[in-house]
Amino acid sequence: MKSTEWMKKKIIDYKRFIMTLLIFSSYLYIGTLISIYEYHTNAHLYLYPIIASALITSLIMTMKIRKWQKGTAEE
């Protein structure tokens, strides 16, 4: 019983972190658009790997959450 409650709290925490990663990556993407169209610089190129890694991390965490939810639903 306590393990399922602990897992549900962990799932909620992971969902919050995923939302934070998505908001962070959207802000970085907006920063690249501003850098391209407003300032006409190439300074935006270093943001693309950070955006990609944030999105990949959120995808991996989403898959983990689905796996954990299936596990708690079976119990």
Protein backbone atom coordinates (compact mmCIF):
# COMPACT_ATOMS: atom_id res chain seq x y z
CA MET A 1 0.00 0.00 0.00
CA LYS A 2 2.73 2.43 0.91
CA SER A 3 4.71 1.59 -2.22
CA THR A 4 1.79 2.51 -4.50
CA GLU A 5 1.29 5.80 -2.64
CA TRP A 6 5.02 6.49 -2.98
CA MET A 7 4.87 5.65 -6.68
CA LYS A 8 1.87 7.93 -7.23
CA LYS A 9 3.73 10.81 -5.58
CA LYS A 10 6.76 10.08 -7.72
CA ILE A 11 4.59 10.09 -10.87
CA ILE A 12 3.11 13.46 -9.92
CA ASP A 13 6.60 14.85 -9.31
CA TYR A 14 7.83 13.55 -12.67
CA LYS A 15 4.83 15.12 -14.42
CA ARG A 16 5.69 18.49 -12.87
CA PHE A 17 9.30 18.15 -13.98
CA ILE A 18 8.24 17.22 -17.51
CA MET A 19 6.05 20.32 -17.65
CA THR A 20 8.98 22.42 -16.45
CA LEU A 21 11.22 20.94 -19.16
CA LEU A 22 8.64 21.69 -21.86
CA ILE A 23 8.21 25.28 -20.68
CA PHE A 24 12.00 25.70 -20.51
CA SER A 25 12.49 24.34 -24.03
CA SER A 26 9.74 26.57 -25.41
CA TYR A 27 11.40 29.63 -23.86
CA LEU A 28 14.71 28.61 -25.41
CA TYR A 29 13.04 28.13 -28.79
CA ILE A 30 11.48 31.58 -28.56
CA GLY A 31 14.96 32.89 -27.72
CA THR A 32 16.33 31.33 -30.89
CA LEU A 33 13.58 32.95 -32.96
CA ILE A 34 14.32 36.32 -31.42
CA SER A 35 18.04 35.82 -32.04
CA ILE A 36 17.45 34.92 -35.69
CA TYR A 37 14.88 37.49 -36.73
CA GLU A 38 15.56 40.44 -34.44
CA TYR A 39 19.32 40.48 -34.00
CA HIS A 40 20.40 38.54 -37.14
CA THR A 41 23.14 36.68 -35.29
CA ASN A 42 24.32 33.09 -35.18
CA ALA A 43 24.30 33.02 -31.39
CA HIS A 44 21.23 30.81 -31.44
CA LEU A 45 23.11 27.73 -32.64
CA TYR A 46 24.23 26.71 -29.15
CA LEU A 47 20.61 26.56 -27.96
CA TYR A 48 19.51 23.79 -30.35
CA PRO A 49 21.35 20.95 -28.55
CA ILE A 50 19.96 22.14 -25.21
CA ILE A 51 16.43 22.21 -26.61
CA ALA A 52 16.86 18.75 -28.13
CA SER A 53 18.23 17.26 -24.92
CA ALA A 54 15.36 18.77 -22.87
CA LEU A 55 12.78 17.36 -25.26
CA ILE A 56 14.42 13.92 -25.35
CA THR A 57 14.58 13.87 -21.55
CA SER A 58 10.90 14.75 -21.28
CA LEU A 59 10.05 12.01 -23.79
CA ILE A 60 12.00 9.40 -21.81
CA MET A 61 10.39 10.50 -18.56
CA THR A 62 6.93 10.34 -20.17
CA MET A 63 7.59 6.75 -21.24
CA LYS A 64 8.72 5.89 -17.70
CA ILE A 65 5.54 7.41 -16.26
CA ARG A 66 3.37 5.33 -18.60
CA LYS A 67 5.24 2.19 -17.54
CA TRP A 68 4.80 3.03 -13.85
CA GLN A 69 1.11 3.85 -14.28
CA LYS A 70 0.51 0.49 -15.94
CA GLY A 71 2.32 -1.17 -13.04
CA THR A 72 0.25 0.60 -10.40
CA ALA A 73 -2.98 -0.08 -12.31
CA GLU A 74 -2.25 -3.82 -12.31
CA GLU A 75 -1.84 -3.82 -8.52
